[in-house]
Amino acid sequence: MKKFLSLVLALVMTMSLVTVSAGAKDFTDDGEITYKEAVDVISGIGVVDGYSDGDFRPDDVLTRGAAAKIICNLILGPTTASALSAGTAPFKDVPVTNNFAGYITYCSQQGIISGYADGTFRPTDTLSGNAFMKMLLGALGYDSDKEGYTGANWTVNVIKQAVGIELNDGNDDFVGSQAVTRQEACLYAFNTLKATMVEYSDNSTVTVGDITISSQGDYSDVTNGTSSDGNIEDDGLMQFAERYFRDLEAEDDTDDFGRPATTWTYDGDELGTSANDADATYVVGDTADTLGTLVTDDACLDYSASDGRSDADVYYNGEDLGTYSSNRGNHLAGKGDIIEAYENDDNEVDTIVIRSYTYAKIDTVDEDLSSTHENNGASVALELVDIDDGSLGTWYDDYDDSDEVLTGYNSDYTEGTVLAVAISAADSDVILDSYIMESVTGTPSAARAVDYSTNNDDQVAEGTITIDGTRYEYAGQMTGLEDDENVDFDEEYTIYLTAEGYVLAVDGDASASLDDVYYVAGAYGERSAGRLTYYIETVAVQDGTYAVLELDSTDISTFGLTSSLSLI
């Protein structure tokens, strides 16, 4: 370990260092990035770059050569690492002119990576999660030979150690044998920044006759008595970033929803704010109910007054509603609303956050704003339209000084794109979050008229709709139908689904062709195992196609039928 650090120090001291410009980077494909916090930080400190066209391409696979560059950027810093070069070819398939030759040479010399038995390195081959974790463990100071990262069982030992220090944190689907994507590499590198460095006790060598025996002590955490302790974790230990990126700081904060969060800054530039993981999360899936009924020791979040929840601060789409005890009987939560609980250091519920989404459609997209709009610098403007109330206004992306900023911009945004949006309850000019919704189009075979419940000025929708044999429940903020309005079974509808699968909007403006029009030719019921099921026989007007549709018993009146149907 000491030899490794001295080589790093020598290289750094022999070069003139230039401060790397940092700051949050906006990619044209931001909406496709799953590990946003990790990509924001890792790209912000210059470890992984985007492409010249503005893309990040999060799901492109990582090559062995690119992995070596990431490791060098982490250990040496991007400026120093970029000056690495190879005097001679490190492997027979890596000439000195190869773009990654310097990075590969350095990592090979430090024992972080190795080639194949045939003398090749294969820099363009993809890299497995196991191999990348081995490289990151080496950067943290773990000795490959000592810890068994070589030999027949190397993958078992690597993954046991990597998972043990949570290098895969955030990816519950980690499979070490699979190729690493660019955003996965950012996630694992980001976790490395927060991991604690290790070092080994002094080596000893004993020579007896012609036999030399070398031994090395066990590793221990590196202590941190410098001013950087607390930049990442105030624990008296040296985290990776506290050694190699001392200008990187993690500060406790809250996000736009009111969730406890972490704000990352590098050399004074803000890289982004990301919500912390909730200690408990619940998606409301039953009938509309008050917050007090939902957040109990026998319901969704499994928290009781003994957990200290009474004094917890409650936030609804960013608006501070006061303490839980003053809101538990007043606030309705509807289907699809997301309730999160956050604990303090005493394991008491400190914060309860409700996130609720509504519907908006993009009416127009303006991507040429550089000289035409007062918000100079915005890359795109979206005119959003609510299905019921008309215009929601113009929202600008990539302009942090505006109150009207749409976060999570996706390059797939076009006119007509439908978004789930969370509008600030404290300031209706602010959209807190957004994402493109999945849609299903078809003619309903069953539906319940929408019913709105109200409590203390809260209004939530109830009801269901069945399309293509699948029954969907209305989200609490569902829009597109009036109170008690039935859908038309001769009309084609498009429904838009939240990430949790609830209907956030029903749009009846989708064009329906004559193929979708039919008349009822007959009706009957069947009793099986004590269950009565109703059917109608239909004939399509366009081509005379015969079909049988199954009905819920509550829907037979929609067709002017009675419950006294003949049974077969």
Foldseek 3Di string as FASTA:
>chain_A
DVVLVVVLVVLLVVDDDDQDQFAAAQAQALLVFDLNVLCLVCVRQPLQHDDPVRHNQQFAFAFQLNLLSSLCCLSNNNRSSQPFFDPAQQFPVGGRPHSSRRSVVSCVVLVLDDDDPVRHNRRGHFAFQLSSLSSLLVSLPDDCVVQVCDDDCNSVSSVVVLVVQPLQPPDPPHDRGDGHGNSSSSSSVSSQQLGFHKYWPDKDWDDDPPDIDIDTGDIDTAFDPDPLQQQRHNDRTDRSCVVRQSQWGWDWDAAQQRATWIWIDGVRHTSDIDHDDFPFKFFDDDAKAFQLVAPDCPHRGNDHVVLVQQQAFEGESRDTPGGCVVGRHFDIFWGGKMWTFHADPVRHTHYITIFDWAKKFFAAKDQPDCPPDPLHPFRMKTFIADLPPGTLGIATDPRVVDQRHAPSNRSPDHGGFMKTWTARPVDNSHTRYIDTWDKDKAQWLEKFFWAWDDGNRQIFIFMWTDGPRDIATATGQADAHDHRDDDDNLFMWMFTADPVGHTNYIHRPPDDDLQSGWDWPAKAWEADPNDIWIKTWIARPPPRDIDIGTYDPVCPVVNVDDPPGYYD
